[in-house]
Amino acid sequence: MFALLVATCLSFSEFDQILRSTGKQQVWRGVNENRTTMNIVYSDENGAWVVLAVNPDGRACEMGSGKDSEVLIQKIGADINAK
């Protein structure tokens, strides 16, 4: 069985205010050829994360979120299996 994903969409500035008020901050952003960005927002306090898609017009939609996460690498090129 598949779950239906219903995205929450707001302006990016509204999302940013809400997420910052809960201790989350943007930690990564990728931009595609259409200037749409994918943003990962993360809370170091509890591991909570949110993925946002942001259109060039500033409309942001939550694509997924969760309460557990794990940082795999601190720096590009680092060995994720190193302890």
Protein backbone atom coordinates (compact mmCIF):
# COMPACT_ATOMS: atom_id res chain seq x y z
CA MET A 1 0.00 0.00 0.00
CA PHE A 2 1.24 3.50 -0.84
CA ALA A 3 0.76 6.64 1.24
CA LEU A 4 -0.48 9.75 -0.50
CA LEU A 5 1.90 12.68 -0.04
CA VAL A 6 0.13 15.99 0.45
CA ALA A 7 2.67 18.80 0.37
CA THR A 8 2.38 21.87 2.58
CA CYS A 9 3.27 24.98 0.57
CA LEU A 10 4.00 28.50 1.81
CA SER A 11 6.34 31.30 0.81
CA PHE A 12 9.96 30.44 1.61
CA SER A 13 10.15 33.36 4.06
CA GLU A 14 7.13 31.97 5.98
CA PHE A 15 8.70 28.49 6.12
CA ASP A 16 12.03 30.00 7.17
CA GLN A 17 10.42 31.90 10.07
CA ILE A 18 8.53 28.81 11.30
CA LEU A 19 11.53 26.49 11.01
CA ARG A 20 13.95 28.92 12.69
CA SER A 21 11.49 29.37 15.58
CA THR A 22 11.71 25.61 16.18
CA GLY A 23 15.53 25.58 16.17
CA LYS A 24 16.03 24.34 12.61
CA GLN A 25 18.42 25.91 10.12
CA GLN A 26 19.16 25.40 6.45
CA VAL A 27 22.24 23.20 6.03
CA TRP A 28 22.24 22.37 2.31
CA ARG A 29 20.78 23.70 -0.95
CA GLY A 30 20.99 22.43 -4.51
CA VAL A 31 19.83 24.37 -7.57
CA ASN A 32 18.65 22.77 -10.82
CA GLU A 33 18.61 24.17 -14.36
CA ASN A 34 15.12 25.66 -13.79
CA ARG A 35 16.41 27.58 -10.73
CA THR A 36 14.27 25.43 -8.41
CA THR A 37 16.13 24.62 -5.23
CA MET A 38 15.99 21.64 -2.91
CA ASN A 39 16.77 22.65 0.66
CA ILE A 40 17.57 20.53 3.69
CA VAL A 41 16.69 22.13 7.00
CA TYR A 42 17.99 20.45 10.16
CA SER A 43 17.90 20.74 13.95
CA ASP A 44 21.10 19.74 15.71
CA GLU A 45 19.19 19.56 19.01
CA ASN A 46 16.91 16.63 18.16
CA GLY A 47 17.89 15.44 14.68
CA ALA A 48 14.64 16.68 13.11
CA TRP A 49 14.86 17.51 9.40
CA VAL A 50 12.71 18.95 6.60
CA VAL A 51 13.25 18.88 2.82
CA LEU A 52 11.81 21.86 0.94
CA ALA A 53 11.45 22.44 -2.81
CA VAL A 54 11.55 26.17 -3.55
CA ASN A 55 10.39 27.53 -6.91
CA PRO A 56 12.02 30.62 -8.44
CA ASP A 57 8.94 32.66 -7.43
CA GLY A 58 9.66 31.91 -3.75
CA ARG A 59 6.90 29.32 -3.21
CA ALA A 60 8.22 26.53 -1.00
CA CYS A 61 6.69 23.09 -0.53
CA GLU A 62 7.61 20.56 2.14
CA MET A 63 8.63 17.36 0.36
CA GLY A 64 9.36 15.32 3.48
CA SER A 65 10.33 15.51 7.13
CA GLY A 66 11.34 13.32 10.02
CA LYS A 67 12.61 13.18 13.57
CA ASP A 68 15.61 10.90 13.24
CA SER A 69 18.70 11.49 11.14
CA GLU A 70 22.37 10.73 10.95
CA VAL A 71 25.17 12.92 9.58
CA LEU A 72 27.18 10.70 7.22
CA ILE A 73 29.97 13.09 6.26
CA GLN A 74 31.13 16.42 7.58
CA LYS A 75 32.99 17.36 4.43
CA ILE A 76 32.69 16.37 0.77
CA GLY A 77 35.20 13.66 -0.01
CA ALA A 78 35.34 12.38 3.56
CA ASP A 79 35.13 8.63 4.13
CA ILE A 80 31.66 7.89 5.53
CA ASN A 81 32.91 4.63 6.98
CA ALA A 82 35.74 6.23 8.97
CA LYS A 83 35.26 6.22 12.73
